[in-house]
């Protein structure tokens, strides 16, 4: 049997939950050629393009990353690095094989040749 205090708590909890839910809706957004967008207030979003421009966006592809793993417990040892500047990609990875040898692969690719591995 619920007590008076327990009933008040449940009513207050559900009232807060209902108010917190608000009006969340999915709206159609065509900024990035996607079918769905996510907005908290669809009336403010629909029909307004804002700062987004129609058309294709091209970002020059340039990046550099590297990582390495050296785990003495599992004996997992590997590393990789790669750079890209436009159509030129260079990289290298190494890993310890199960037989104790180390595999090392260097690669280079550009618009003139698909890929070259050493």
Protein backbone atom coordinates (compact mmCIF):
# COMPACT_ATOMS: atom_id res chain seq x y z
CA UNK A 1 0.00 0.00 0.00
CA UNK A 2 1.39 3.39 -0.94
CA UNK A 3 1.62 6.08 1.68
CA UNK A 4 0.60 9.68 1.08
CA UNK A 5 4.27 10.79 0.95
CA UNK A 6 5.14 8.02 -1.49
CA UNK A 7 2.28 9.05 -3.81
CA UNK A 8 3.39 12.69 -3.73
CA UNK A 9 6.96 11.66 -4.57
CA UNK A 10 5.84 9.57 -7.55
CA UNK A 11 3.59 12.35 -8.87
CA UNK A 12 6.40 14.91 -8.51
CA UNK A 13 8.90 12.57 -10.19
CA UNK A 14 6.66 11.96 -13.21
CA UNK A 15 5.86 15.68 -13.49
CA UNK A 16 9.57 16.54 -13.57
CA UNK A 17 10.24 13.75 -16.07
CA UNK A 18 7.46 15.01 -18.35
CA UNK A 19 8.75 18.60 -18.23
CA UNK A 20 12.35 17.47 -18.77
CA UNK A 21 11.40 15.55 -21.89
CA UNK A 22 10.60 18.81 -23.70
CA UNK A 23 9.94 18.86 -27.42
CA UNK A 24 12.66 16.92 -29.15
CA UNK A 25 12.07 16.14 -32.80
CA UNK A 26 13.76 14.97 -35.96
CA UNK A 27 13.64 17.35 -38.89
CA UNK A 28 14.78 17.09 -42.46
CA UNK A 29 18.14 18.80 -43.01
CA UNK A 30 19.69 18.97 -46.45
CA UNK A 31 22.91 20.76 -45.47
CA UNK A 32 25.02 17.63 -45.80
CA UNK A 33 22.74 15.57 -48.02
CA UNK A 34 21.39 13.61 -45.07
CA UNK A 35 17.76 12.68 -44.69
CA UNK A 36 17.48 13.38 -40.98
CA UNK A 37 18.74 16.05 -38.66
CA UNK A 38 18.39 16.38 -34.92
CA UNK A 39 17.03 19.48 -33.31
CA UNK A 40 15.57 20.43 -29.96
CA UNK A 41 13.16 22.93 -31.50
CA UNK A 42 12.14 22.11 -35.06
CA UNK A 43 10.38 25.43 -35.64
CA UNK A 44 13.63 27.36 -35.26
CA UNK A 45 15.53 25.09 -37.64
CA UNK A 46 13.16 24.39 -40.52
CA UNK A 47 13.52 26.78 -43.43
CA UNK A 48 16.57 28.58 -42.08
CA UNK A 49 19.88 27.83 -43.73
CA UNK A 50 21.96 29.91 -41.33
CA UNK A 51 25.67 29.96 -42.11
CA UNK A 52 25.57 26.69 -44.07
CA UNK A 53 26.05 26.99 -47.79
CA UNK A 54 24.69 24.76 -50.47
CA UNK A 55 27.23 23.00 -52.61
CA UNK A 56 30.18 20.73 -52.26
CA UNK A 57 32.86 21.37 -49.69
CA UNK A 58 36.41 20.32 -50.50
CA UNK A 59 39.02 20.13 -47.77
CA UNK A 60 42.59 19.55 -48.84
CA UNK A 61 43.53 16.11 -47.47
CA UNK A 62 46.49 16.53 -45.14
CA UNK A 63 47.16 14.59 -41.97
CA UNK A 64 49.82 12.82 -39.94
CA UNK A 65 49.38 10.20 -37.23
CA UNK A 66 51.32 7.56 -35.39
CA UNK A 67 50.75 5.11 -32.58
CA UNK A 68 52.49 2.27 -30.85
CA UNK A 69 51.65 -0.59 -28.51
CA UNK A 70 54.16 -2.27 -26.22
CA UNK A 71 52.39 -4.65 -23.85
CA UNK A 72 54.77 -6.89 -21.87
CA UNK A 73 51.87 -8.93 -20.47
CA UNK A 74 50.42 -10.04 -23.84
CA UNK A 75 53.65 -9.52 -25.80
CA UNK A 76 51.72 -7.37 -28.25
CA UNK A 77 54.24 -5.04 -29.87
CA UNK A 78 53.27 -2.99 -32.89
CA UNK A 79 53.50 0.52 -34.28
CA UNK A 80 52.32 2.51 -37.25
CA UNK A 81 52.76 5.96 -38.72
CA UNK A 82 51.23 7.53 -41.80
CA UNK A 83 51.25 10.93 -43.50
CA UNK A 84 49.12 12.30 -46.30
CA UNK A 85 49.60 15.48 -48.27
CA UNK A 86 47.14 15.70 -51.13
CA UNK A 87 47.36 12.53 -53.21
CA UNK A 88 50.64 11.37 -51.64
CA UNK A 89 50.38 8.86 -48.80
CA UNK A 90 53.43 7.44 -47.02
CA UNK A 91 53.55 5.13 -44.06
CA UNK A 92 55.08 2.24 -42.23
CA UNK A 93 53.96 -0.37 -39.75
CA UNK A 94 55.77 -2.98 -37.71
CA UNK A 95 54.58 -5.88 -35.61
CA UNK A 96 56.10 -8.79 -33.75
CA UNK A 97 55.16 -12.12 -35.33
CA UNK A 98 54.36 -15.21 -33.26
CA UNK A 99 57.63 -16.89 -34.34
CA UNK A 100 59.70 -14.01 -32.91
CA UNK A 101 60.42 -12.20 -36.19
CA UNK A 102 59.46 -8.59 -36.77
CA UNK A 103 57.39 -7.67 -39.79
CA UNK A 104 58.10 -4.20 -41.16
CA UNK A 105 56.10 -2.81 -44.08
CA UNK A 106 56.74 0.58 -45.67
CA UNK A 107 54.32 1.93 -48.25
CA UNK A 108 53.94 4.90 -50.56
CA UNK A 109 51.04 5.81 -52.84
CA UNK A 110 50.33 8.79 -55.06
CA UNK A 111 48.24 9.71 -58.09
CA UNK A 112 50.88 8.33 -60.49
CA UNK A 113 51.03 4.86 -58.95
CA UNK A 114 48.45 3.06 -56.89
CA UNK A 115 50.66 1.62 -54.19
CA UNK A 116 54.19 0.46 -53.60
CA UNK A 117 55.14 -1.71 -50.65
CA UNK A 118 58.57 -2.72 -49.47
